[in-house]
mmCIF file of all heavy atoms, coordinates in Angstrom:
data_MODEL
# 
_entry.id   MODEL 
# 
loop_
_atom_site.group_PDB 
_atom_site.id 
_atom_site.type_symbol 
_atom_site.label_atom_id 
_atom_site.label_alt_id 
_atom_site.label_comp_id 
_atom_site.label_asym_id 
_atom_site.label_entity_id 
_atom_site.label_seq_id 
_atom_site.pdbx_PDB_ins_code 
_atom_site.Cartn_x 
_atom_site.Cartn_y 
_atom_site.Cartn_z 
_atom_site.occupancy 
_atom_site.B_iso_or_equiv 
_atom_site.pdbx_formal_charge 
_atom_site.auth_seq_id 
_atom_site.auth_comp_id 
_atom_site.auth_asym_id 
_atom_site.auth_atom_id 
_atom_site.pdbx_PDB_model_num 
ATOM 1   N N   . LYS A 1 1  ? 38.846 18.030 80.483 1.00 0.00 ? 1  LYS A N   1 
ATOM 2   C CA  . LYS A 1 1  ? 39.897 17.062 80.169 1.00 0.00 ? 1  LYS A CA  1 
ATOM 3   C C   . LYS A 1 1  ? 39.388 16.034 79.169 1.00 0.00 ? 1  LYS A C   1 
ATOM 4   O O   . LYS A 1 1  ? 40.089 15.698 78.199 1.00 0.00 ? 1  LYS A O   1 
ATOM 5   C CB  . LYS A 1 1  ? 40.364 16.371 81.454 1.00 0.00 ? 1  LYS A CB  1 
ATOM 6   C CG  . LYS A 1 1  ? 41.486 15.374 81.230 1.00 0.00 ? 1  LYS A CG  1 
ATOM 7   C CD  . LYS A 1 1  ? 42.011 14.799 82.531 1.00 0.00 ? 1  LYS A CD  1 
ATOM 8   C CE  . LYS A 1 1  ? 41.090 13.714 83.059 1.00 0.00 ? 1  LYS A CE  1 
ATOM 9   N NZ  . LYS A 1 1  ? 41.686 12.995 84.211 1.00 0.00 ? 1  LYS A NZ  1 
ATOM 10  N N   . LEU A 1 2  ? 38.170 15.538 79.378 1.00 0.00 ? 2  LEU A N   1 
ATOM 11  C CA  . LEU A 1 2  ? 37.598 14.565 78.449 1.00 0.00 ? 2  LEU A CA  1 
ATOM 12  C C   . LEU A 1 2  ? 37.384 15.177 77.072 1.00 0.00 ? 2  LEU A C   1 
ATOM 13  O O   . LEU A 1 2  ? 37.618 14.530 76.044 1.00 0.00 ? 2  LEU A O   1 
ATOM 14  C CB  . LEU A 1 2  ? 36.273 14.027 79.006 1.00 0.00 ? 2  LEU A CB  1 
ATOM 15  C CG  . LEU A 1 2  ? 36.383 13.059 80.186 1.00 0.00 ? 2  LEU A CG  1 
ATOM 16  C CD1 . LEU A 1 2  ? 35.000 12.750 80.746 1.00 0.00 ? 2  LEU A CD1 1 
ATOM 17  C CD2 . LEU A 1 2  ? 37.074 11.767 79.747 1.00 0.00 ? 2  LEU A CD2 1 
ATOM 18  N N   . ARG A 1 3  ? 36.937 16.420 77.051 1.00 0.00 ? 3  ARG A N   1 
ATOM 19  C CA  . ARG A 1 3  ? 36.756 17.096 75.764 1.00 0.00 ? 3  ARG A CA  1 
ATOM 20  C C   . ARG A 1 3  ? 38.083 17.210 75.017 1.00 0.00 ? 3  ARG A C   1 
ATOM 21  O O   . ARG A 1 3  ? 38.169 16.894 73.819 1.00 0.00 ? 3  ARG A O   1 
ATOM 22  C CB  . ARG A 1 3  ? 36.169 18.486 75.990 1.00 0.00 ? 3  ARG A CB  1 
ATOM 23  C CG  . ARG A 1 3  ? 36.070 19.334 74.711 1.00 0.00 ? 3  ARG A CG  1 
ATOM 24  C CD  . ARG A 1 3  ? 35.784 20.777 75.065 1.00 0.00 ? 3  ARG A CD  1 
ATOM 25  N NE  . ARG A 1 3  ? 35.759 21.646 73.898 1.00 0.00 ? 3  ARG A NE  1 
ATOM 26  C CZ  . ARG A 1 3  ? 36.263 22.876 73.862 1.00 0.00 ? 3  ARG A CZ  1 
ATOM 27  N NH1 . ARG A 1 3  ? 36.849 23.377 74.946 1.00 0.00 ? 3  ARG A NH1 1 
ATOM 28  N NH2 . ARG A 1 3  ? 36.184 23.612 72.777 1.00 0.00 ? 3  ARG A NH2 1 
ATOM 29  N N   . ALA A 1 4  ? 39.131 17.665 75.728 1.00 0.00 ? 4  ALA A N   1 
ATOM 30  C CA  . ALA A 1 4  ? 40.433 17.804 75.084 1.00 0.00 ? 4  ALA A CA  1 
ATOM 31  C C   . ALA A 1 4  ? 40.949 16.445 74.608 1.00 0.00 ? 4  ALA A C   1 
ATOM 32  O O   . ALA A 1 4  ? 41.444 16.316 73.480 1.00 0.00 ? 4  ALA A O   1 
ATOM 33  C CB  . ALA A 1 4  ? 41.430 18.440 76.057 1.00 0.00 ? 4  ALA A CB  1 
ATOM 34  N N   . SER A 1 5  ? 40.821 15.413 75.457 1.00 0.00 ? 5  SER A N   1 
ATOM 35  C CA  . SER A 1 5  ? 41.286 14.077 75.085 1.00 0.00 ? 5  SER A CA  1 
ATOM 36  C C   . SER A 1 5  ? 40.600 13.595 73.821 1.00 0.00 ? 5  SER A C   1 
ATOM 37  O O   . SER A 1 5  ? 41.246 13.080 72.896 1.00 0.00 ? 5  SER A O   1 
ATOM 38  C CB  . SER A 1 5  ? 41.016 13.082 76.220 1.00 0.00 ? 5  SER A CB  1 
ATOM 39  O OG  . SER A 1 5  ? 41.696 13.440 77.389 1.00 0.00 ? 5  SER A OG  1 
ATOM 40  N N   . ARG A 1 6  ? 39.279 13.754 73.797 1.00 0.00 ? 6  ARG A N   1 
ATOM 41  C CA  . ARG A 1 6  ? 38.536 13.249 72.654 1.00 0.00 ? 6  ARG A CA  1 
ATOM 42  C C   . ARG A 1 6  ? 38.883 14.007 71.381 1.00 0.00 ? 6  ARG A C   1 
ATOM 43  O O   . ARG A 1 6  ? 38.997 13.415 70.300 1.00 0.00 ? 6  ARG A O   1 
ATOM 44  C CB  . ARG A 1 6  ? 37.027 13.349 72.907 1.00 0.00 ? 6  ARG A CB  1 
ATOM 45  C CG  . ARG A 1 6  ? 36.243 12.695 71.787 1.00 0.00 ? 6  ARG A CG  1 
ATOM 46  C CD  . ARG A 1 6  ? 34.752 12.949 71.868 1.00 0.00 ? 6  ARG A CD  1 
ATOM 47  N NE  . ARG A 1 6  ? 34.106 12.288 70.737 1.00 0.00 ? 6  ARG A NE  1 
ATOM 48  C CZ  . ARG A 1 6  ? 34.095 12.768 69.498 1.00 0.00 ? 6  ARG A CZ  1 
ATOM 49  N NH1 . ARG A 1 6  ? 34.691 13.897 69.226 1.00 0.00 ? 6  ARG A NH1 1 
ATOM 50  N NH2 . ARG A 1 6  ? 33.505 12.103 68.518 1.00 0.00 ? 6  ARG A NH2 1 
ATOM 51  N N   . MET A 1 7  ? 39.061 15.313 71.485 1.00 0.00 ? 7  MET A N   1 
ATOM 52  C CA  . MET A 1 7  ? 39.330 16.095 70.281 1.00 0.00 ? 7  MET A CA  1 
ATOM 53  C C   . MET A 1 7  ? 40.754 15.888 69.773 1.00 0.00 ? 7  MET A C   1 
ATOM 54  O O   . MET A 1 7  ? 41.004 15.933 68.568 1.00 0.00 ? 7  MET A O   1 
ATOM 55  C CB  . MET A 1 7  ? 39.026 17.574 70.538 1.00 0.00 ? 7  MET A CB  1 
ATOM 56  C CG  . MET A 1 7  ? 37.545 17.802 70.808 1.00 0.00 ? 7  MET A CG  1 
ATOM 57  S SD  . MET A 1 7  ? 37.063 19.539 70.889 1.00 0.00 ? 7  MET A SD  1 
ATOM 58  C CE  . MET A 1 7  ? 37.160 19.992 69.160 1.00 0.00 ? 7  MET A CE  1 
ATOM 59  N N   . VAL A 1 8  ? 41.687 15.647 70.684 1.00 0.00 ? 8  VAL A N   1 
ATOM 60  C CA  . VAL A 1 8  ? 43.036 15.284 70.253 1.00 0.00 ? 8  VAL A CA  1 
ATOM 61  C C   . VAL A 1 8  ? 42.997 13.941 69.540 1.00 0.00 ? 8  VAL A C   1 
ATOM 62  O O   . VAL A 1 8  ? 43.591 13.754 68.467 1.00 0.00 ? 8  VAL A O   1 
ATOM 63  C CB  . VAL A 1 8  ? 44.011 15.243 71.447 1.00 0.00 ? 8  VAL A CB  1 
ATOM 64  C CG1 . VAL A 1 8  ? 45.350 14.622 71.039 1.00 0.00 ? 8  VAL A CG1 1 
ATOM 65  C CG2 . VAL A 1 8  ? 44.230 16.643 72.008 1.00 0.00 ? 8  VAL A CG2 1 
ATOM 66  N N   . GLU A 1 9  ? 42.274 12.995 70.144 1.00 0.00 ? 9  GLU A N   1 
ATOM 67  C CA  . GLU A 1 9  ? 42.142 11.671 69.529 1.00 0.00 ? 9  GLU A CA  1 
ATOM 68  C C   . GLU A 1 9  ? 41.457 11.760 68.164 1.00 0.00 ? 9  GLU A C   1 
ATOM 69  O O   . GLU A 1 9  ? 41.888 11.128 67.194 1.00 0.00 ? 9  GLU A O   1 
ATOM 70  C CB  . GLU A 1 9  ? 41.351 10.746 70.456 1.00 0.00 ? 9  GLU A CB  1 
ATOM 71  C CG  . GLU A 1 9  ? 41.213 9.328  69.924 1.00 0.00 ? 9  GLU A CG  1 
ATOM 72  C CD  . GLU A 1 9  ? 40.487 8.420  70.896 1.00 0.00 ? 9  GLU A CD  1 
ATOM 73  O OE1 . GLU A 1 9  ? 39.448 8.838  71.442 1.00 0.00 ? 9  GLU A OE1 1 
ATOM 74  O OE2 . GLU A 1 9  ? 40.966 7.291  71.117 1.00 0.00 ? 9  GLU A OE2 1 
ATOM 75  N N   . PHE A 1 10 ? 40.407 12.542 68.082 1.00 0.00 ? 10 PHE A N   1 
ATOM 76  C CA  . PHE A 1 10 ? 39.656 12.701 66.834 1.00 0.00 ? 10 PHE A CA  1 
ATOM 77  C C   . PHE A 1 10 ? 40.566 13.253 65.736 1.00 0.00 ? 10 PHE A C   1 
ATOM 78  O O   . PHE A 1 10 ? 40.594 12.746 64.602 1.00 0.00 ? 10 PHE A O   1 
ATOM 79  C CB  . PHE A 1 10 ? 38.470 13.631 67.081 1.00 0.00 ? 10 PHE A CB  1 
ATOM 80  C CG  . PHE A 1 10 ? 37.619 13.897 65.872 1.00 0.00 ? 10 PHE A CG  1 
ATOM 81  C CD1 . PHE A 1 10 ? 36.711 12.941 65.425 1.00 0.00 ? 10 PHE A CD1 1 
ATOM 82  C CD2 . PHE A 1 10 ? 37.713 15.094 65.181 1.00 0.00 ? 10 PHE A CD2 1 
ATOM 83  C CE1 . PHE A 1 10 ? 35.917 13.174 64.307 1.00 0.00 ? 10 PHE A CE1 1 
ATOM 84  C CE2 . PHE A 1 10 ? 36.933 15.346 64.066 1.00 0.00 ? 10 PHE A CE2 1 
ATOM 85  C CZ  . PHE A 1 10 ? 36.026 14.381 63.631 1.00 0.00 ? 10 PHE A CZ  1 
ATOM 86  N N   . ALA A 1 11 ? 41.330 14.302 66.060 1.00 0.00 ? 11 ALA A N   1 
ATOM 87  C CA  . ALA A 1 11 ? 42.220 14.909 65.068 1.00 0.00 ? 11 ALA A CA  1 
ATOM 88  C C   . ALA A 1 11 ? 43.333 13.946 64.659 1.00 0.00 ? 11 ALA A C   1 
ATOM 89  O O   . ALA A 1 11 ? 43.664 13.827 63.470 1.00 0.00 ? 11 ALA A O   1 
ATOM 90  C CB  . ALA A 1 11 ? 42.818 16.205 65.624 1.00 0.00 ? 11 ALA A CB  1 
ATOM 91  N N   . ALA A 1 12 ? 43.911 13.244 65.643 1.00 0.00 ? 12 ALA A N   1 
ATOM 92  C CA  . ALA A 1 12 ? 45.003 12.319 65.346 1.00 0.00 ? 12 ALA A CA  1 
ATOM 93  C C   . ALA A 1 12 ? 44.531 11.169 64.467 1.00 0.00 ? 12 ALA A C   1 
ATOM 94  O O   . ALA A 1 12 ? 45.231 10.749 63.530 1.00 0.00 ? 12 ALA A O   1 
ATOM 95  C CB  . ALA A 1 12 ? 45.601 11.786 66.641 1.00 0.00 ? 12 ALA A CB  1 
ATOM 96  N N   . LYS A 1 13 ? 43.334 10.650 64.730 1.00 0.00 ? 13 LYS A N   1 
ATOM 97  C CA  . LYS A 1 13 ? 42.808 9.545  63.921 1.00 0.00 ? 13 LYS A CA  1 
ATOM 98  C C   . LYS A 1 13 ? 42.453 10.017 62.512 1.00 0.00 ? 13 LYS A C   1 
ATOM 99  O O   . LYS A 1 13 ? 42.654 9.279  61.537 1.00 0.00 ? 13 LYS A O   1 
ATOM 100 C CB  . LYS A 1 13 ? 41.595 8.919  64.606 1.00 0.00 ? 13 LYS A CB  1 
ATOM 101 C CG  . LYS A 1 13 ? 41.963 8.088  65.824 1.00 0.00 ? 13 LYS A CG  1 
ATOM 102 C CD  . LYS A 1 13 ? 40.759 7.366  66.404 1.00 0.00 ? 13 LYS A CD  1 
ATOM 103 C CE  . LYS A 1 13 ? 41.193 6.399  67.506 1.00 0.00 ? 13 LYS A CE  1 
ATOM 104 N NZ  . LYS A 1 13 ? 40.051 5.656  68.088 1.00 0.00 ? 13 LYS A NZ  1 
ATOM 105 N N   . ASN A 1 14 ? 41.928 11.221 62.396 1.00 0.00 ? 14 ASN A N   1 
ATOM 106 C CA  . ASN A 1 14 ? 41.641 11.756 61.065 1.00 0.00 ? 14 ASN A CA  1 
ATOM 107 C C   . ASN A 1 14 ? 42.925 11.962 60.266 1.00 0.00 ? 14 ASN A C   1 
ATOM 108 O O   . ASN A 1 14 ? 42.959 11.729 59.050 1.00 0.00 ? 14 ASN A O   1 
ATOM 109 C CB  . ASN A 1 14 ? 40.874 13.075 61.174 1.00 0.00 ? 14 ASN A CB  1 
ATOM 110 C CG  . ASN A 1 14 ? 39.410 12.854 61.511 1.00 0.00 ? 14 ASN A CG  1 
ATOM 111 O OD1 . ASN A 1 14 ? 38.938 11.725 61.549 1.00 0.00 ? 14 ASN A OD1 1 
ATOM 112 N ND2 . ASN A 1 14 ? 38.699 13.936 61.766 1.00 0.00 ? 14 ASN A ND2 1 
ATOM 113 N N   . LEU A 1 15 ? 43.960 12.418 60.958 1.00 0.00 ? 15 LEU A N   1 
ATOM 114 C CA  . LEU A 1 15 ? 45.252 12.595 60.301 1.00 0.00 ? 15 LEU A CA  1 
ATOM 115 C C   . LEU A 1 15 ? 45.780 11.254 59.798 1.00 0.00 ? 15 LEU A C   1 
ATOM 116 O O   . LEU A 1 15 ? 46.263 11.136 58.659 1.00 0.00 ? 15 LEU A O   1 
ATOM 117 C CB  . LEU A 1 15 ? 46.250 13.224 61.276 1.00 0.00 ? 15 LEU A CB  1 
ATOM 118 C CG  . LEU A 1 15 ? 47.678 13.424 60.765 1.00 0.00 ? 15 LEU A CG  1 
ATOM 119 C CD1 . LEU A 1 15 ? 47.713 14.359 59.568 1.00 0.00 ? 15 LEU A CD1 1 
ATOM 120 C CD2 . LEU A 1 15 ? 48.564 13.958 61.896 1.00 0.00 ? 15 LEU A CD2 1 
ATOM 121 N N   . GLN A 1 16 ? 45.671 10.223 60.639 1.00 0.00 ? 16 GLN A N   1 
ATOM 122 C CA  . GLN A 1 16 ? 46.141 8.906  60.232 1.00 0.00 ? 16 GLN A CA  1 
ATOM 123 C C   . GLN A 1 16 ? 45.323 8.364  59.069 1.00 0.00 ? 16 GLN A C   1 
ATOM 124 O O   . GLN A 1 16 ? 45.871 7.735  58.148 1.00 0.00 ? 16 GLN A O   1 
ATOM 125 C CB  . GLN A 1 16 ? 46.069 7.937  61.425 1.00 0.00 ? 16 GLN A CB  1 
ATOM 126 C CG  . GLN A 1 16 ? 46.691 6.582  61.146 1.00 0.00 ? 16 GLN A CG  1 
ATOM 127 C CD  . GLN A 1 16 ? 48.157 6.679  60.762 1.00 0.00 ? 16 GLN A CD  1 
ATOM 128 O OE1 . GLN A 1 16 ? 48.951 7.305  61.466 1.00 0.00 ? 16 GLN A OE1 1 
ATOM 129 N NE2 . GLN A 1 16 ? 48.524 6.079  59.639 1.00 0.00 ? 16 GLN A NE2 1 
ATOM 130 N N   . ALA A 1 17 ? 44.013 8.638  59.099 1.00 0.00 ? 17 ALA A N   1 
ATOM 131 C CA  . ALA A 1 17 ? 43.161 8.180  57.996 1.00 0.00 ? 17 ALA A CA  1 
ATOM 132 C C   . ALA A 1 17 ? 43.571 8.824  56.677 1.00 0.00 ? 17 ALA A C   1 
ATOM 133 O O   . ALA A 1 17 ? 43.572 8.174  55.618 1.00 0.00 ? 17 ALA A O   1 
ATOM 134 C CB  . ALA A 1 17 ? 41.698 8.492  58.306 1.00 0.00 ? 17 ALA A CB  1 
ATOM 135 N N   . GLU A 1 18 ? 43.929 10.089 56.716 1.00 0.00 ? 18 GLU A N   1 
ATOM 136 C CA  . GLU A 1 18 ? 44.399 10.775 55.505 1.00 0.00 ? 18 GLU A CA  1 
ATOM 137 C C   . GLU A 1 18 ? 45.725 10.177 55.028 1.00 0.00 ? 18 GLU A C   1 
ATOM 138 O O   . GLU A 1 18 ? 45.940 9.998  53.823 1.00 0.00 ? 18 GLU A O   1 
ATOM 139 C CB  . GLU A 1 18 ? 44.564 12.271 55.767 1.00 0.00 ? 18 GLU A CB  1 
ATOM 140 C CG  . GLU A 1 18 ? 43.264 13.037 55.959 1.00 0.00 ? 18 GLU A CG  1 
ATOM 141 C CD  . GLU A 1 18 ? 42.457 13.146 54.674 1.00 0.00 ? 18 GLU A CD  1 
ATOM 142 O OE1 . GLU A 1 18 ? 43.027 12.968 53.573 1.00 0.00 ? 18 GLU A OE1 1 
ATOM 143 O OE2 . GLU A 1 18 ? 41.250 13.417 54.770 1.00 0.00 ? 18 GLU A OE2 1 
ATOM 144 N N   . LEU A 1 19 ? 46.585 9.863  55.966 1.00 0.00 ? 19 LEU A N   1 
ATOM 145 C CA  . LEU A 1 19 ? 47.866 9.255  55.600 1.00 0.00 ? 19 LEU A CA  1 
ATOM 146 C C   . LEU A 1 19 ? 47.653 7.874  54.976 1.00 0.00 ? 19 LEU A C   1 
ATOM 147 O O   . LEU A 1 19 ? 48.375 7.473  54.053 1.00 0.00 ? 19 LEU A O   1 
ATOM 148 C CB  . LEU A 1 19 ? 48.766 9.143  56.835 1.00 0.00 ? 19 LEU A CB  1 
ATOM 149 C CG  . LEU A 1 19 ? 49.373 10.446 57.356 1.00 0.00 ? 19 LEU A CG  1 
ATOM 150 C CD1 . LEU A 1 19 ? 50.016 10.227 58.727 1.00 0.00 ? 19 LEU A CD1 1 
ATOM 151 C CD2 . LEU A 1 19 ? 50.398 10.993 56.373 1.00 0.00 ? 19 LEU A CD2 1 
ATOM 152 N N   . ASN A 1 20 ? 46.662 7.148  55.490 1.00 0.00 ? 20 ASN A N   1 
ATOM 153 C CA  . ASN A 1 20 ? 46.373 5.816  54.962 1.00 0.00 ? 20 ASN A CA  1 
ATOM 154 C C   . ASN A 1 20 ? 45.850 5.861  53.531 1.00 0.00 ? 20 ASN A C   1 
ATOM 155 O O   . ASN A 1 20 ? 45.849 4.838  52.842 1.00 0.00 ? 20 ASN A O   1 
ATOM 156 C CB  . ASN A 1 20 ? 45.359 5.097  55.855 1.00 0.00 ? 20 ASN A CB  1 
ATOM 157 C CG  . ASN A 1 20 ? 45.951 4.765  57.217 1.00 0.00 ? 20 ASN A CG  1 
ATOM 158 O OD1 . ASN A 1 20 ? 47.170 4.758  57.398 1.00 0.00 ? 20 ASN A OD1 1 
ATOM 159 N ND2 . ASN A 1 20 ? 45.088 4.493  58.181 1.00 0.00 ? 20 ASN A ND2 1 
ATOM 160 N N   . ARG A 1 21 ? 45.370 7.029  53.110 1.00 0.00 ? 21 ARG A N   1 
ATOM 161 C CA  . ARG A 1 21 ? 44.911 7.165  51.732 1.00 0.00 ? 21 ARG A CA  1 
ATOM 162 C C   . ARG A 1 21 ? 46.073 7.470  50.785 1.00 0.00 ? 21 ARG A C   1 
ATOM 163 O O   . ARG A 1 21 ? 45.873 7.952  49.677 1.00 0.00 ? 21 ARG A O   1 
ATOM 164 C CB  . ARG A 1 21 ? 43.858 8.274  51.642 1.00 0.00 ? 21 ARG A CB  1 
ATOM 165 C CG  . ARG A 1 21 ? 42.573 7.955  52.412 1.00 0.00 ? 21 ARG A CG  1 
ATOM 166 C CD  . ARG A 1 21 ? 41.479 8.993  52.120 1.00 0.00 ? 21 ARG A CD  1 
ATOM 167 N NE  . ARG A 1 21 ? 40.283 8.725  52.874 1.00 0.00 ? 21 ARG A NE  1 
ATOM 168 C CZ  . ARG A 1 21 ? 39.952 9.322  54.017 1.00 0.00 ? 21 ARG A CZ  1 
ATOM 169 N NH1 . ARG A 1 21 ? 40.764 10.248 54.518 1.00 0.00 ? 21 ARG A NH1 1 
ATOM 170 N NH2 . ARG A 1 21 ? 38.834 9.024  54.646 1.00 0.00 ? 21 ARG A NH2 1 
ATOM 171 N N   . ARG A 1 22 ? 47.272 7.193  51.277 1.00 0.00 ? 22 ARG A N   1 
ATOM 172 C CA  . ARG A 1 22 ? 48.500 7.361  50.491 1.00 0.00 ? 22 ARG A CA  1 
ATOM 173 C C   . ARG A 1 22 ? 48.767 8.818  50.118 1.00 0.00 ? 22 ARG A C   1 
ATOM 174 O O   . ARG A 1 22 ? 49.369 9.112  49.101 1.00 0.00 ? 22 ARG A O   1 
ATOM 175 C CB  . ARG A 1 22 ? 48.473 6.494  49.232 1.00 0.00 ? 22 ARG A CB  1 
ATOM 176 C CG  . ARG A 1 22 ? 48.391 5.011  49.539 1.00 0.00 ? 22 ARG A CG  1 
ATOM 177 C CD  . ARG A 1 22 ? 48.425 4.196  48.262 1.00 0.00 ? 22 ARG A CD  1 
ATOM 178 N NE  . ARG A 1 22 ? 48.356 2.766  48.579 1.00 0.00 ? 22 ARG A NE  1 
ATOM 179 C CZ  . ARG A 1 22 ? 48.348 1.801  47.655 1.00 0.00 ? 22 ARG A CZ  1 
ATOM 180 N NH1 . ARG A 1 22 ? 48.413 2.125  46.358 1.00 0.00 ? 22 ARG A NH1 1 
ATOM 181 N NH2 . ARG A 1 22 ? 48.287 0.533  47.997 1.00 0.00 ? 22 ARG A NH2 1 
ATOM 182 N N   . LYS A 1 23 ? 48.295 9.706  50.940 1.00 0.00 ? 23 LYS A N   1 
ATOM 183 C CA  . LYS A 1 23 ? 48.628 11.113 50.738 1.00 0.00 ? 23 LYS A CA  1 
ATOM 184 C C   . LYS A 1 23 ? 49.976 11.404 51.384 1.00 0.00 ? 23 LYS A C   1 
ATOM 185 O O   . LYS A 1 23 ? 50.405 10.717 52.304 1.00 0.00 ? 23 LYS A O   1 
ATOM 186 C CB  . LYS A 1 23 ? 47.556 12.019 51.343 1.00 0.00 ? 23 LYS A CB  1 
ATOM 187 C CG  . LYS A 1 23 ? 46.207 11.954 50.618 1.00 0.00 ? 23 LYS A CG  1 
ATOM 188 C CD  . LYS A 1 23 ? 45.273 12.984 51.189 1.00 0.00 ? 23 LYS A CD  1 
ATOM 189 C CE  . LYS A 1 23 ? 44.002 13.097 50.356 1.00 0.00 ? 23 LYS A CE  1 
ATOM 190 N NZ  . LYS A 1 23 ? 43.180 11.888 50.439 1.00 0.00 ? 23 LYS A NZ  1 
ATOM 191 N N   . SER A 1 24 ? 50.626 12.446 50.944 1.00 0.00 ? 24 SER A N   1 
ATOM 192 C CA  . SER A 1 24 ? 51.872 12.862 51.584 1.00 0.00 ? 24 SER A CA  1 
ATOM 193 C C   . SER A 1 24 ? 51.563 13.379 52.977 1.00 0.00 ? 24 SER A C   1 
ATOM 194 O O   . SER A 1 24 ? 50.421 13.762 53.285 1.00 0.00 ? 24 SER A O   1 
ATOM 195 C CB  . SER A 1 24 ? 52.550 13.955 50.758 1.00 0.00 ? 24 SER A CB  1 
ATOM 196 O OG  . SER A 1 24 ? 51.799 15.161 50.829 1.00 0.00 ? 24 SER A OG  1 
ATOM 197 N N   . LYS A 1 25 ? 52.581 13.420 53.828 1.00 0.00 ? 25 LYS A N   1 
ATOM 198 C CA  . LYS A 1 25 ? 52.386 13.931 55.184 1.00 0.00 ? 25 LYS A CA  1 
ATOM 199 C C   . LYS A 1 25 ? 51.862 15.365 55.152 1.00 0.00 ? 25 LYS A C   1 
ATOM 200 O O   . LYS A 1 25 ? 51.009 15.748 55.950 1.00 0.00 ? 25 LYS A O   1 
ATOM 201 C CB  . LYS A 1 25 ? 53.702 13.868 55.961 1.00 0.00 ? 25 LYS A CB  1 
ATOM 202 C CG  . LYS A 1 25 ? 54.144 12.463 56.328 1.00 0.00 ? 25 LYS A CG  1 
ATOM 203 C CD  . LYS A 1 25 ? 55.434 12.502 57.144 1.00 0.00 ? 25 LYS A CD  1 
ATOM 204 C CE  . LYS A 1 25 ? 55.874 11.105 57.548 1.00 0.00 ? 25 LYS A CE  1 
ATOM 205 N NZ  . LYS A 1 25 ? 57.144 11.135 58.335 1.00 0.00 ? 25 LYS A NZ  1 
ATOM 206 N N   . GLU A 1 26 ? 52.398 16.150 54.212 1.00 0.00 ? 26 GLU A N   1 
ATOM 207 C CA  . GLU A 1 26 ? 52.010 17.554 54.122 1.00 0.00 ? 26 GLU A CA  1 
ATOM 208 C C   . GLU A 1 26 ? 50.551 17.706 53.701 1.00 0.00 ? 26 GLU A C   1 
ATOM 209 O O   . GLU A 1 26 ? 49.806 18.510 54.275 1.00 0.00 ? 26 GLU A O   1 
ATOM 210 C CB  . GLU A 1 26 ? 52.927 18.281 53.133 1.00 0.00 ? 26 GLU A CB  1 
ATOM 211 C CG  . GLU A 1 26 ? 54.378 18.398 53.582 1.00 0.00 ? 26 GLU A CG  1 
ATOM 212 C CD  . GLU A 1 26 ? 55.168 17.106 53.430 1.00 0.00 ? 26 GLU A CD  1 
ATOM 213 O OE1 . GLU A 1 26 ? 54.692 16.204 52.697 1.00 0.00 ? 26 GLU A OE1 1 
ATOM 214 O OE2 . GLU A 1 26 ? 56.246 17.005 54.035 1.00 0.00 ? 26 GLU A OE2 1 
ATOM 215 N N   . ASP A 1 27 ? 50.127 16.922 52.725 1.00 0.00 ? 27 ASP A N   1 
ATOM 216 C CA  . ASP A 1 27 ? 48.729 16.977 52.283 1.00 0.00 ? 27 ASP A CA  1 
ATOM 217 C C   . ASP A 1 27 ? 47.788 16.500 53.380 1.00 0.00 ? 27 ASP A C   1 
ATOM 218 O O   . ASP A 1 27 ? 46.722 17.080 53.604 1.00 0.00 ? 27 ASP A O   1 
ATOM 219 C CB  . ASP A 1 27 ? 48.527 16.128 51.021 1.00 0.00 ? 27 ASP A CB  1 
ATOM 220 C CG  . ASP A 1 27 ? 49.094 16.793 49.777 1.00 0.00 ? 27 ASP A CG  1 
ATOM 221 O OD1 . ASP A 1 27 ? 49.324 18.022 49.828 1.00 0.00 ? 27 ASP A OD1 1 
ATOM 222 O OD2 . ASP A 1 27 ? 49.296 16.096 48.778 1.00 0.00 ? 27 ASP A OD2 1 
ATOM 223 N N   . ALA A 1 28 ? 48.185 15.423 54.047 1.00 0.00 ? 28 ALA A N   1 
ATOM 224 C CA  . ALA A 1 28 ? 47.347 14.891 55.132 1.00 0.00 ? 28 ALA A CA  1 
ATOM 225 C C   . ALA A 1 28 ? 47.196 15.915 56.247 1.00 0.00 ? 28 ALA A C   1 
ATOM 226 O O   . ALA A 1 28 ? 46.105 16.104 56.798 1.00 0.00 ? 28 ALA A O   1 
ATOM 227 C CB  . ALA A 1 28 ? 47.963 13.598 55.674 1.00 0.00 ? 28 ALA A CB  1 
# 
């Protein structure tokens, strides 16, 4: 459960970081 939680969080934060670089949703 902790592994899944952390990896979901890791992916979601990386996605947000890409969006913050003013990339389109699709590119991010």
